[in-house]
Amino acid sequence: MSLVKKFATVASGTLMSRVFGFTREMLMASALGTGPIADAFNAAFRFPNTFRRLFAEGAFNAAFVPLFAKEIEANGLDGARRFSEEVFGVLFTVLLTLTILMEVSMPLIVRYVIAPGFVEDPMKFDNTVRMAIIMFPYLACMSLAAMMSGMLNSLHRYFAAAIAPVFLNVILIGVLAYAWYTGQDGRQVGYALSWGVMVSGLVQLAIVWIAVRNAGITIGFRLPHLTKNVKRLLVLALPAAVTGGITQINLLINTNIASAKSGAISSLAYADRIYQLPLGVVGIAVATVLLPELARALRSGNLKEASSLQNRSVEFTLFLTLPAAAALLVMSEPIVRMLYERGNFSPTSTHTVGNILAVYGLGLPAFVLIKAFLPGFFAREDTRTPMIFAAIAVAVNVSLALTLFPIMYETGIATAEIVAGWVNAILLFATLVWRGHWGRDIPLLTRIPRLFISAAIMAIGLHYAITWMGPALAPHAPLHTQAVAVLTLVILAMISYFALAFGTGGASLAMIRRNVKRGAKAAEATPTDAAP
């Protein structure tokens, strides 16, 4: 299967999850707005979700995948199964202990870590604690699911791991629809959503567990034992967890700071949901597929192939994210109004969330590039260097957030996030080049400026088109009118950008065809490479 097709397989599942996620957020915005229950739920959900991405997705995609792939090559599926059972026994024990400790300590954690600003509102504080207690076991389920997903990706079976997250949004949409049908109040909705998160963790774990069994690996439980392979995994996973979860570290810190202002946490969460569509679809697809592919190329000593994989991945990410960034910058408010402005979500909330989203647009290329640069370190089992850069980025984020929040409020926090993201991306890229791990690619260097120019021209055209279509995008316009107008703008923007990108030479159909043909030949040589 070609790199493009693998990207598409993972991206399609992620896109489906994000589309359902939008539906969920639209229903949530209408039911809860940016009020105290919305703040409590988003703050409570941020905690297990941060741990999930920090220690599960970040650590296992970075550390577990190369070791698991190496075990397959050295000892076959039996060796990989034994390694998986060793890791599962340790991981399950750690997660069980962590869950018990966190559940008991939750009031202190909310007070001092998640949302110290809620202490002055006893009801909001109490709701946050209770919702976090209900949702925290989701972390254990998703951490084990991340391990299973890493196994599936190493076995070139991408679909189940990509489709499982959809069920979080499907279940929460069902909860919101039932709440609307039965006329539940905001507090009841918040608690129902919390239980929905917990149930979705179990469902997602079941999906990837079954997929792993179907792939020929049955994992039995072993008592935890620190074998040589497990120790190596832990050595790699700790810095990888910090590095892979840098965005989540920043978000958790920013949630803490934002809790001082009512509605700030919810506003950041609503903007983040929109921003996560291009980031998730492109960034997660690239990171998920690139790491095992790059590790395989390096193990075989094919440095030319490794360099090509990195360059093509950056080219692919910029080709898709630059227009998305430009569109978010120019048309953030119409997008937010169409998606959220109804029920308890006011025009003031639209303006606030729109400003945050526009700032996030400026950081989109940085966060996607980070996901493309990190495999260059992780595939070489270097997790220490990215961890250092991640720590620097966290310091930049915290310093700027504390400085800008009193002046710009939520927008200041968003600005701190994107500046930290660009600092991290630049440090990663410069180090890869300095170490000679990034091959010079003339086609890439000539295409990038053309892609920037194409996105800039598209943005200018969008600005004038929004002005011309003003009445259809106004707050008083019916929802279907706004939806048609936004969809029209998106289609026009896509047509103009792709025409400019291909017309200027920023993108090449011949290059894409060559990549597909090269991948097809590889698939023929390795029949098991195809995903089910």
Protein backbone atom coordinates (compact mmCIF):
# COMPACT_ATOMS: atom_id res chain seq x y z
CA MET A 1 0.00 0.00 0.00
CA SER A 2 1.43 3.42 -0.95
CA LEU A 3 2.19 6.16 1.55
CA VAL A 4 -0.66 8.25 0.11
CA LYS A 5 -3.13 5.39 0.46
CA LYS A 6 -2.02 4.70 4.03
CA PHE A 7 -2.44 8.37 4.87
CA ALA A 8 -5.91 8.24 3.32
CA THR A 9 -6.91 5.14 5.31
CA VAL A 10 -6.03 6.72 8.64
CA ALA A 11 -7.28 10.17 7.62
CA SER A 12 -10.69 8.81 6.56
CA GLY A 13 -11.31 7.33 10.00
CA THR A 14 -10.07 10.50 11.69
CA LEU A 15 -12.21 12.65 9.40
CA MET A 16 -15.28 10.62 10.30
CA SER A 17 -14.48 11.08 13.98
CA ARG A 18 -14.05 14.84 13.51
CA VAL A 19 -17.32 15.18 11.59
CA PHE A 20 -19.19 13.43 14.38
CA GLY A 21 -17.22 15.57 16.80
CA PHE A 22 -18.57 18.70 15.15
CA THR A 23 -22.09 17.37 15.50
CA ARG A 24 -21.45 16.67 19.16
CA GLU A 25 -20.04 20.16 19.77
CA MET A 26 -22.95 21.81 17.95
CA LEU A 27 -25.42 20.00 20.21
CA MET A 28 -23.33 20.76 23.29
CA ALA A 29 -23.05 24.44 22.40
CA SER A 30 -26.81 24.66 22.03
CA ALA A 31 -27.48 22.80 25.29
CA LEU A 32 -24.78 24.31 27.50
CA GLY A 33 -23.34 27.37 25.71
CA THR A 34 -20.26 28.68 27.51
CA GLY A 35 -21.89 28.54 30.95
CA PRO A 36 -20.72 26.96 34.23
CA ILE A 37 -21.74 23.37 33.36
CA ALA A 38 -19.90 23.59 30.03
CA ASP A 39 -16.83 24.90 31.85
CA ALA A 40 -17.08 22.11 34.44
CA PHE A 41 -17.45 19.34 31.83
CA ASN A 42 -14.66 20.62 29.58
CA ALA A 43 -12.29 21.08 32.52
CA ALA A 44 -13.09 17.62 33.90
CA PHE A 45 -12.72 15.95 30.49
CA ARG A 46 -9.45 17.77 29.82
CA PHE A 47 -7.71 15.87 32.63
CA PRO A 48 -8.16 12.22 31.52
CA ASN A 49 -7.91 13.29 27.89
CA THR A 50 -4.57 14.99 28.57
CA PHE A 51 -3.20 11.90 30.30
CA ARG A 52 -4.47 9.73 27.45
CA ARG A 53 -2.62 11.72 24.79
CA LEU A 54 0.38 12.31 27.00
CA PHE A 55 1.10 8.78 28.21
CA ALA A 56 -0.88 6.62 25.80
CA GLU A 57 -0.83 8.05 22.28
CA GLY A 58 2.40 10.00 22.60
CA ALA A 59 4.43 7.40 24.49
CA PHE A 60 3.26 4.27 22.68
CA ASN A 61 3.29 5.63 19.17
CA ALA A 62 6.83 6.83 19.80
CA ALA A 63 8.32 4.02 21.89
CA PHE A 64 6.16 0.91 21.55
CA VAL A 65 5.76 0.85 17.76
CA PRO A 66 9.49 0.64 16.84
CA LEU A 67 10.16 -2.02 19.54
CA PHE A 68 7.10 -4.06 18.55
CA ALA A 69 8.06 -3.86 14.86
CA LYS A 70 11.61 -4.92 15.71
CA GLU A 71 10.27 -7.88 17.70
CA ILE A 72 8.15 -8.99 14.73
CA GLU A 73 11.17 -8.98 12.43
CA ALA A 74 13.43 -10.75 14.94
CA ASN A 75 11.09 -13.33 16.46
CA GLY A 76 7.90 -13.31 14.38
CA LEU A 77 4.36 -13.01 15.70
CA ASP A 78 5.07 -15.31 18.69
CA GLY A 79 7.85 -13.03 19.89
CA ALA A 80 5.69 -9.98 19.34
CA ARG A 81 2.87 -11.61 21.32
CA ARG A 82 5.17 -12.35 24.27
CA PHE A 83 6.44 -8.77 24.25
CA SER A 84 2.88 -7.46 24.10
CA GLU A 85 1.83 -9.59 27.08
CA GLU A 86 4.83 -8.33 29.09
CA VAL A 87 3.92 -4.73 28.31
CA PHE A 88 0.21 -5.31 28.92
CA GLY A 89 0.82 -6.74 32.39
CA VAL A 90 2.91 -3.73 33.46
CA LEU A 91 0.66 -1.16 31.76
CA PHE A 92 -2.55 -2.57 33.25
CA THR A 93 -1.07 -2.59 36.77
CA VAL A 94 0.22 0.98 36.46
CA LEU A 95 -3.09 2.23 35.07
CA LEU A 96 -5.11 0.53 37.80
CA THR A 97 -2.91 2.07 40.51
CA LEU A 98 -2.98 5.49 38.85
CA THR A 99 -6.76 5.42 38.49
CA ILE A 100 -7.30 4.60 42.17
CA LEU A 101 -4.90 7.33 43.31
CA MET A 102 -6.44 9.94 41.02
CA GLU A 103 -10.00 9.10 41.98
CA VAL A 104 -9.19 9.52 45.68
CA SER A 105 -7.20 12.73 45.09
CA MET A 106 -9.56 14.36 42.60
CA PRO A 107 -10.74 17.26 44.84
CA LEU A 108 -7.13 18.31 45.42
CA ILE A 109 -6.25 17.86 41.74
CA VAL A 110 -9.13 20.07 40.58
CA ARG A 111 -8.32 22.67 43.23
CA TYR A 112 -4.60 22.95 42.48
CA VAL A 113 -4.00 21.53 38.98
CA ILE A 114 -7.03 21.58 36.68
CA ALA A 115 -9.10 24.62 37.60
CA PRO A 116 -8.05 26.59 40.69
CA GLY A 117 -10.25 29.44 39.49
CA PHE A 118 -13.34 27.30 40.16
CA VAL A 119 -12.77 27.27 43.93
CA GLU A 120 -14.64 30.56 44.30
CA ASP A 121 -17.75 28.92 42.78
CA PRO A 122 -18.53 25.91 45.03
CA MET A 123 -21.16 24.48 42.67
CA LYS A 124 -18.90 24.63 39.61
CA PHE A 125 -16.02 23.17 41.63
CA ASP A 126 -18.16 20.30 42.97
CA ASN A 127 -19.52 19.47 39.51
CA THR A 128 -16.02 19.43 38.04
CA VAL A 129 -14.76 17.04 40.72
CA ARG A 130 -17.70 14.65 40.32
CA MET A 131 -17.53 14.64 36.52
CA ALA A 132 -13.76 14.05 36.58
CA ILE A 133 -14.23 11.08 38.94
CA ILE A 134 -16.78 9.56 36.57
CA MET A 135 -14.61 10.10 33.49
CA PHE A 136 -11.11 9.28 34.73
CA PRO A 137 -11.32 5.47 34.11
CA TYR A 138 -11.60 6.46 30.42
CA LEU A 139 -7.83 7.00 30.65
CA ALA A 140 -7.16 3.33 31.46
CA CYS A 141 -9.36 2.12 28.61
CA MET A 142 -7.79 4.46 26.07
CA SER A 143 -4.23 3.77 27.17
CA LEU A 144 -4.74 0.05 26.61
CA ALA A 145 -6.49 0.87 23.33
CA ALA A 146 -3.47 2.96 22.28
CA MET A 147 -1.24 -0.05 22.84
CA MET A 148 -3.53 -2.20 20.67
CA SER A 149 -3.60 0.53 18.02
CA GLY A 150 0.18 0.63 17.95
CA MET A 151 0.23 -3.13 17.36
CA LEU A 152 -2.29 -2.81 14.52
CA ASN A 153 -0.32 0.00 12.87
CA SER A 154 2.87 -2.08 13.02
CA LEU A 155 0.97 -4.93 11.36
CA HIS A 156 -0.19 -2.49 8.63
CA ARG A 157 -3.80 -2.72 9.77
CA TYR A 158 -4.85 0.89 10.14
CA PHE A 159 -8.63 0.92 9.80
CA ALA A 160 -9.83 -0.37 13.21
CA ALA A 161 -7.52 1.96 15.14
CA ALA A 162 -8.62 4.89 12.98
CA ILE A 163 -12.35 4.18 13.25
CA ALA A 164 -12.53 3.42 17.01
CA PRO A 165 -12.46 7.09 18.15
CA VAL A 166 -15.64 7.71 16.16
CA PHE A 167 -17.60 5.90 18.86
CA LEU A 168 -16.82 8.52 21.51
CA ASN A 169 -18.68 11.08 19.45
CA VAL A 170 -21.44 8.68 18.39
CA ILE A 171 -22.20 7.81 22.02
CA LEU A 172 -22.10 11.45 23.18
CA ILE A 173 -24.37 12.51 20.30
CA GLY A 174 -26.81 9.82 21.44
CA VAL A 175 -26.63 11.14 25.01
CA LEU A 176 -27.30 14.72 23.86
CA ALA A 177 -30.17 13.66 21.61
CA TYR A 178 -31.78 11.72 24.47
CA ALA A 179 -31.29 14.68 26.82
CA TRP A 180 -32.99 17.00 24.31
CA TYR A 181 -35.85 14.51 23.81
CA THR A 182 -36.46 14.13 27.56
CA GLY A 183 -35.96 17.82 28.38
CA GLN A 184 -33.05 17.41 30.82
CA ASP A 185 -31.50 20.48 32.41
CA GLY A 186 -27.87 21.51 31.99
CA ARG A 187 -26.59 19.71 35.08
CA GLN A 188 -28.24 16.44 34.06
CA VAL A 189 -26.76 16.79 30.57
CA GLY A 190 -23.28 17.33 31.99
CA TYR A 191 -23.41 14.18 34.11
CA ALA A 192 -24.94 12.12 31.30
CA LEU A 193 -22.07 13.21 29.03
CA SER A 194 -19.56 12.18 31.69
CA TRP A 195 -20.99 8.65 31.84
CA GLY A 196 -21.04 8.60 28.04
CA VAL A 197 -17.29 9.30 27.96
CA MET A 198 -16.69 6.39 30.35
CA VAL A 199 -18.78 3.96 28.26
CA SER A 200 -17.09 5.07 25.03
CA GLY A 201 -13.69 4.12 26.46
CA LEU A 202 -14.87 0.55 26.99
CA VAL A 203 -16.35 0.39 23.48
CA GLN A 204 -13.17 1.70 21.80
CA LEU A 205 -11.00 -0.75 23.74
CA ALA A 206 -13.24 -3.63 22.67
CA ILE A 207 -12.98 -2.65 18.98
CA VAL A 208 -9.17 -2.62 18.82
CA TRP A 209 -8.90 -5.71 21.07
CA ILE A 210 -11.03 -7.69 18.62
CA ALA A 211 -9.02 -6.32 15.67
CA VAL A 212 -5.75 -7.45 17.27
CA ARG A 213 -7.19 -10.95 17.80
CA ASN A 214 -8.28 -11.02 14.15
CA ALA A 215 -4.73 -10.03 13.18
CA GLY A 216 -3.47 -13.25 14.77
CA ILE A 217 -2.27 -12.05 18.17
CA THR A 218 -4.06 -13.10 21.36
CA ILE A 219 -2.90 -11.23 24.45
CA GLY A 220 -3.12 -13.04 27.78
CA PHE A 221 -2.59 -11.37 31.14
CA ARG A 222 0.80 -11.79 32.81
CA LEU A 223 1.83 -10.60 36.23
CA PRO A 224 3.86 -7.38 35.87
CA HIS A 225 7.56 -8.05 35.40
CA LEU A 226 10.25 -5.61 34.28
CA THR A 227 11.88 -7.62 31.51
CA LYS A 228 14.69 -6.23 29.37
CA ASN A 229 12.26 -5.19 26.62
CA VAL A 230 9.85 -3.55 29.07
CA LYS A 231 12.68 -1.59 30.67
CA ARG A 232 13.77 -0.41 27.23
CA LEU A 233 10.19 0.63 26.49
CA LEU A 234 9.96 2.62 29.73
CA VAL A 235 13.28 4.36 29.03
CA LEU A 236 11.97 5.46 25.64
CA ALA A 237 8.38 6.10 26.71
CA LEU A 238 8.94 8.63 29.48
CA PRO A 239 10.56 11.34 27.34
CA ALA A 240 8.34 10.35 24.43
CA ALA A 241 5.26 10.91 26.57
CA VAL A 242 6.39 14.45 27.34
CA THR A 243 7.33 15.12 23.73
CA GLY A 244 4.31 13.58 22.04
CA GLY A 245 1.96 15.26 24.48
CA ILE A 246 3.41 18.76 24.32
CA THR A 247 0.16 20.17 22.98
CA GLN A 248 -1.73 18.48 25.80
CA ILE A 249 0.68 19.76 28.44
CA ASN A 250 0.13 23.27 27.15
CA LEU A 251 -3.64 22.78 27.05
CA LEU A 252 -3.73 21.52 30.65
CA ILE A 253 -1.64 24.48 31.84
CA ASN A 254 -3.78 26.86 29.83
CA THR A 255 -6.96 25.32 31.29
CA ASN A 256 -5.55 26.07 34.74
CA ILE A 257 -4.88 29.71 33.79
CA ALA A 258 -8.18 30.15 31.92
CA SER A 259 -10.24 28.94 34.88
CA ALA A 260 -9.86 32.45 36.33
CA LYS A 261 -12.36 33.79 33.75
CA SER A 262 -15.91 32.48 33.36
CA GLY A 263 -16.51 30.88 29.96
CA ALA A 264 -12.84 30.92 28.94
CA ILE A 265 -12.32 27.15 29.17
CA SER A 266 -15.41 26.42 27.08
CA SER A 267 -14.48 29.05 24.48
CA LEU A 268 -11.03 27.51 24.04
CA ALA A 269 -12.57 24.02 23.82
CA TYR A 270 -15.07 25.01 21.10
CA ALA A 271 -12.35 26.67 19.01
CA ASP A 272 -10.05 23.71 19.53
CA ARG A 273 -12.69 21.33 18.17
CA ILE A 274 -12.77 23.14 14.82
CA TYR A 275 -9.00 23.52 14.73
CA GLN A 276 -8.56 19.80 15.42
CA LEU A 277 -10.26 18.86 12.13
CA PRO A 278 -7.33 19.68 9.82
CA LEU A 279 -4.79 18.99 12.56
CA GLY A 280 -6.23 15.56 13.27
CA VAL A 281 -7.01 14.48 9.73
CA VAL A 282 -3.60 15.41 8.34
CA GLY A 283 -1.32 15.41 11.39
CA ILE A 284 -2.46 12.16 13.00
CA ALA A 285 -2.52 10.37 9.62
CA VAL A 286 1.04 11.44 8.85
CA ALA A 287 2.39 10.63 12.32
CA THR A 288 0.61 7.25 12.50
CA VAL A 289 1.81 6.05 9.11
CA LEU A 290 5.22 7.72 8.93
CA LEU A 291 6.70 6.31 12.17
CA PRO A 292 6.56 2.58 11.33
CA GLU A 293 7.45 3.26 7.67
CA LEU A 294 10.45 5.39 8.65
CA ALA A 295 11.60 2.91 11.31
CA ARG A 296 11.45 0.11 8.73
CA ALA A 297 13.49 2.09 6.19
CA LEU A 298 16.17 2.95 8.77
CA ARG A 299 16.44 -0.64 10.02
CA SER A 300 17.03 -1.85 6.48
CA GLY A 301 19.72 0.82 5.99
CA ASN A 302 17.80 2.52 3.20
CA LEU A 303 18.67 6.13 4.06
CA LYS A 304 17.54 7.40 0.66
CA GLU A 305 14.06 5.96 1.21
CA ALA A 306 13.96 7.39 4.75
CA SER A 307 14.83 10.85 3.45
CA SER A 308 12.21 10.61 0.72
CA LEU A 309 9.53 9.57 3.24
CA GLN A 310 10.28 12.60 5.42
CA ASN A 311 10.32 15.09 2.57
CA ARG A 312 7.16 13.77 0.94
CA SER A 313 5.37 13.83 4.30
CA VAL A 314 6.26 17.48 4.87
CA GLU A 315 5.23 18.31 1.33
CA PHE A 316 1.91 16.53 1.84
CA THR A 317 1.20 18.21 5.17
CA LEU A 318 1.95 21.71 3.92
CA PHE A 319 -0.03 21.14 0.74
CA LEU A 320 -3.15 20.43 2.82
CA THR A 321 -2.66 22.56 5.94
CA LEU A 322 -1.59 25.91 4.46
CA PRO A 323 -4.99 26.54 2.81
CA ALA A 324 -6.76 25.33 5.96
CA ALA A 325 -4.72 27.77 8.06
CA ALA A 326 -5.47 30.63 5.69
CA ALA A 327 -9.20 29.82 5.70
CA LEU A 328 -9.37 29.68 9.51
CA LEU A 329 -7.63 33.03 9.71
CA VAL A 330 -9.98 34.76 7.29
CA MET A 331 -13.37 33.12 7.87
CA SER A 332 -13.24 31.95 11.49
CA GLU A 333 -16.27 33.93 12.67
CA PRO A 334 -18.68 32.75 9.92
CA ILE A 335 -17.64 29.16 10.62
CA VAL A 336 -18.20 29.51 14.37
CA ARG A 337 -21.56 31.27 13.85
CA MET A 338 -22.83 28.55 11.53
CA LEU A 339 -21.71 25.70 13.78
CA TYR A 340 -22.50 26.99 17.24
CA GLU A 341 -24.62 30.16 17.43
CA ARG A 342 -28.00 28.91 18.63
CA GLY A 343 -29.68 28.07 21.92
CA ASN A 344 -27.42 29.12 24.80
CA PHE A 345 -24.51 30.07 22.50
CA SER A 346 -24.68 33.87 22.07
CA PRO A 347 -23.25 36.25 19.42
CA THR A 348 -20.72 37.39 22.03
CA SER A 349 -19.54 33.79 22.37
CA THR A 350 -19.26 33.61 18.57
CA HIS A 351 -16.99 36.64 18.48
CA THR A 352 -14.77 35.28 21.28
CA VAL A 353 -14.46 31.78 19.84
CA GLY A 354 -13.90 33.21 16.34
CA ASN A 355 -10.94 35.27 17.53
CA ILE A 356 -9.40 32.22 19.20
CA LEU A 357 -9.91 30.12 16.08
CA ALA A 358 -8.23 32.74 13.86
CA VAL A 359 -5.16 32.65 16.10
CA TYR A 360 -5.15 28.85 16.06
CA GLY A 361 -5.10 29.00 12.27
CA LEU A 362 -1.71 30.69 12.38
CA GLY A 363 -0.31 27.79 14.39
CA LEU A 364 -1.85 24.95 12.38
CA PRO A 365 1.15 24.35 10.05
CA ALA A 366 3.51 24.28 13.05
CA PHE A 367 1.62 21.58 14.94
CA VAL A 368 1.22 19.41 11.84
CA LEU A 369 4.91 19.80 11.00
CA ILE A 370 5.81 18.73 14.54
CA LYS A 371 3.99 15.46 13.90
CA ALA A 372 5.97 15.04 10.67
CA PHE A 373 9.34 15.87 12.31
CA LEU A 374 9.03 13.74 15.46
CA PRO A 375 9.22 10.33 13.69
CA GLY A 376 12.69 11.39 12.45
CA PHE A 377 13.80 11.20 16.09
CA PHE A 378 11.58 8.41 17.39
CA ALA A 379 12.44 6.00 14.57
CA ARG A 380 16.10 6.35 15.65
CA GLU A 381 15.03 5.71 19.27
CA ASP A 382 15.98 9.25 20.25
CA THR A 383 13.26 10.55 22.53
CA ARG A 384 15.48 12.71 24.74
CA THR A 385 16.13 15.51 22.25
CA PRO A 386 12.45 16.15 21.41
CA MET A 387 11.70 16.06 25.15
CA ILE A 388 14.16 18.91 25.74
CA PHE A 389 12.57 20.93 22.94
CA ALA A 390 9.12 20.15 24.33
CA ALA A 391 10.20 21.49 27.73
CA ILE A 392 11.41 24.69 26.07
CA ALA A 393 8.08 25.05 24.27
CA VAL A 394 6.18 24.55 27.54
CA ALA A 395 8.26 27.28 29.16
CA VAL A 396 7.50 29.62 26.26
CA ASN A 397 3.79 28.80 26.45
CA VAL A 398 3.50 29.31 30.21
CA SER A 399 5.45 32.56 30.17
CA LEU A 400 3.40 34.04 27.33
CA ALA A 401 0.06 32.76 28.67
CA LEU A 402 0.65 34.32 32.08
CA THR A 403 1.75 37.56 30.41
CA LEU A 404 -1.01 37.82 27.80
CA PHE A 405 -4.04 36.43 29.69
CA PRO A 406 -4.58 39.59 31.80
CA ILE A 407 -4.45 41.65 28.59
CA MET A 408 -6.04 39.48 25.87
CA TYR A 409 -7.82 36.81 27.97
CA GLU A 410 -8.63 33.67 25.93
CA THR A 411 -7.00 35.04 22.78
CA GLY A 412 -3.79 35.57 24.75
CA ILE A 413 -3.75 31.90 25.75
CA ALA A 414 -4.28 30.83 22.12
CA THR A 415 -1.43 33.13 21.04
CA ALA A 416 0.88 31.55 23.63
CA GLU A 417 0.03 28.07 22.31
CA ILE A 418 0.83 28.83 18.69
CA VAL A 419 4.08 30.67 19.46
CA ALA A 420 5.21 27.68 21.54
CA GLY A 421 4.26 25.38 18.66
CA TRP A 422 6.36 27.28 16.16
CA VAL A 423 9.33 27.32 18.55
CA ASN A 424 9.09 23.54 18.92
CA ALA A 425 8.76 22.94 15.16
CA ILE A 426 11.75 25.14 14.32
CA LEU A 427 13.97 23.46 16.92
CA LEU A 428 13.05 19.97 15.69
CA PHE A 429 13.66 20.78 12.04
CA ALA A 430 16.93 22.62 12.67
CA THR A 431 18.28 19.67 14.68
CA LEU A 432 17.36 17.12 11.99
CA VAL A 433 19.17 19.23 9.41
CA TRP A 434 22.19 19.81 11.66
CA ARG A 435 22.57 16.08 12.33
CA GLY A 436 22.31 15.23 8.66
CA HIS A 437 19.05 13.33 9.19
CA TRP A 438 17.13 15.49 6.77
CA GLY A 439 18.18 15.17 3.15
CA ARG A 440 18.19 18.23 0.97
CA ASP A 441 15.30 18.05 -1.46
CA ILE A 442 15.30 20.65 -4.24
CA PRO A 443 11.71 19.92 -5.43
CA LEU A 444 10.45 20.44 -1.87
CA LEU A 445 12.38 23.70 -1.46
CA THR A 446 10.97 25.07 -4.71
CA ARG A 447 7.38 23.99 -4.00
CA ILE A 448 6.99 25.36 -0.46
CA PRO A 449 7.15 29.09 -1.44
CA ARG A 450 4.63 28.43 -4.21
CA LEU A 451 2.26 26.75 -1.76
CA PHE A 452 2.53 29.77 0.58
CA ILE A 453 1.79 32.15 -2.28
CA SER A 454 -1.18 30.05 -3.43
CA ALA A 455 -2.64 30.01 0.10
CA ALA A 456 -2.11 33.78 0.48
CA ILE A 457 -3.90 34.58 -2.80
CA MET A 458 -6.72 32.24 -1.79
CA ALA A 459 -7.05 34.05 1.56
CA ILE A 460 -7.29 37.45 -0.13
CA GLY A 461 -9.98 36.15 -2.45
CA LEU A 462 -11.86 34.70 0.54
CA HIS A 463 -11.77 38.05 2.32
CA TYR A 464 -13.51 39.82 -0.55
CA ALA A 465 -15.94 36.94 -1.08
CA ILE A 466 -16.99 37.10 2.60
CA THR A 467 -17.64 40.82 2.26
CA TRP A 468 -19.71 40.26 -0.88
CA MET A 469 -21.73 37.46 0.78
CA GLY A 470 -22.21 39.44 4.02
CA PRO A 471 -26.03 39.20 4.29
CA ALA A 472 -26.00 35.39 3.94
CA LEU A 473 -23.40 35.13 6.74
CA ALA A 474 -25.04 37.62 9.12
CA PRO A 475 -26.26 36.50 12.60
CA HIS A 476 -29.90 36.92 11.61
CA ALA A 477 -29.59 34.74 8.49
CA PRO A 478 -31.28 31.30 8.69
CA LEU A 479 -29.02 28.36 9.46
CA HIS A 480 -29.48 26.75 6.05
CA THR A 481 -28.55 30.05 4.35
CA GLN A 482 -25.40 30.35 6.45
CA ALA A 483 -24.51 26.72 5.76
CA VAL A 484 -24.87 27.16 1.99
CA ALA A 485 -22.81 30.35 2.11
CA VAL A 486 -19.99 28.78 4.14
CA LEU A 487 -19.98 25.67 1.96
CA THR A 488 -19.84 27.85 -1.16
CA LEU A 489 -16.87 29.76 0.26
CA VAL A 490 -15.08 26.52 1.10
CA ILE A 491 -15.63 25.09 -2.38
CA LEU A 492 -14.49 28.31 -4.07
CA ALA A 493 -11.43 28.44 -1.81
CA MET A 494 -10.53 24.83 -2.60
CA ILE A 495 -10.91 25.33 -6.35
CA SER A 496 -8.83 28.51 -6.35
CA TYR A 497 -6.11 27.06 -4.10
CA PHE A 498 -5.69 23.79 -5.98
CA ALA A 499 -5.70 25.63 -9.30
CA LEU A 500 -3.01 27.98 -8.03
CA ALA A 501 -0.97 25.22 -6.37
CA PHE A 502 -0.89 23.03 -9.46
CA GLY A 503 -0.65 25.99 -11.82
CA THR A 504 2.41 27.46 -10.10
CA GLY A 505 4.11 24.09 -9.64
CA GLY A 506 3.61 24.01 -5.90
CA ALA A 507 1.98 20.60 -6.34
CA SER A 508 2.47 17.96 -9.01
CA LEU A 509 0.13 15.22 -10.18
CA ALA A 510 3.12 13.39 -11.63
CA MET A 511 4.73 13.23 -8.19
CA ILE A 512 1.55 11.80 -6.67
CA ARG A 513 1.25 9.22 -9.45
CA ARG A 514 4.88 8.15 -8.96
CA ASN A 515 4.30 7.73 -5.23
CA VAL A 516 1.19 5.61 -5.79
CA LYS A 517 2.96 3.41 -8.36
CA ARG A 518 5.99 3.00 -6.09
CA GLY A 519 3.72 2.00 -3.22
CA ALA A 520 1.76 -0.41 -5.39
CA LYS A 521 4.97 -2.22 -6.37
CA ALA A 522 5.94 -2.44 -2.71
CA ALA A 523 2.52 -3.86 -1.88
CA GLU A 524 2.91 -6.52 -4.56
CA ALA A 525 6.27 -7.47 -3.12
CA THR A 526 4.82 -7.62 0.40
CA PRO A 527 1.20 -8.84 0.25
CA THR A 528 0.70 -8.57 4.02
CA ASP A 529 1.31 -4.83 3.77
CA ALA A 530 -2.29 -4.15 2.86
CA ALA A 531 -4.71 -3.11 5.55
CA PRO A 532 -7.85 -5.21 5.89
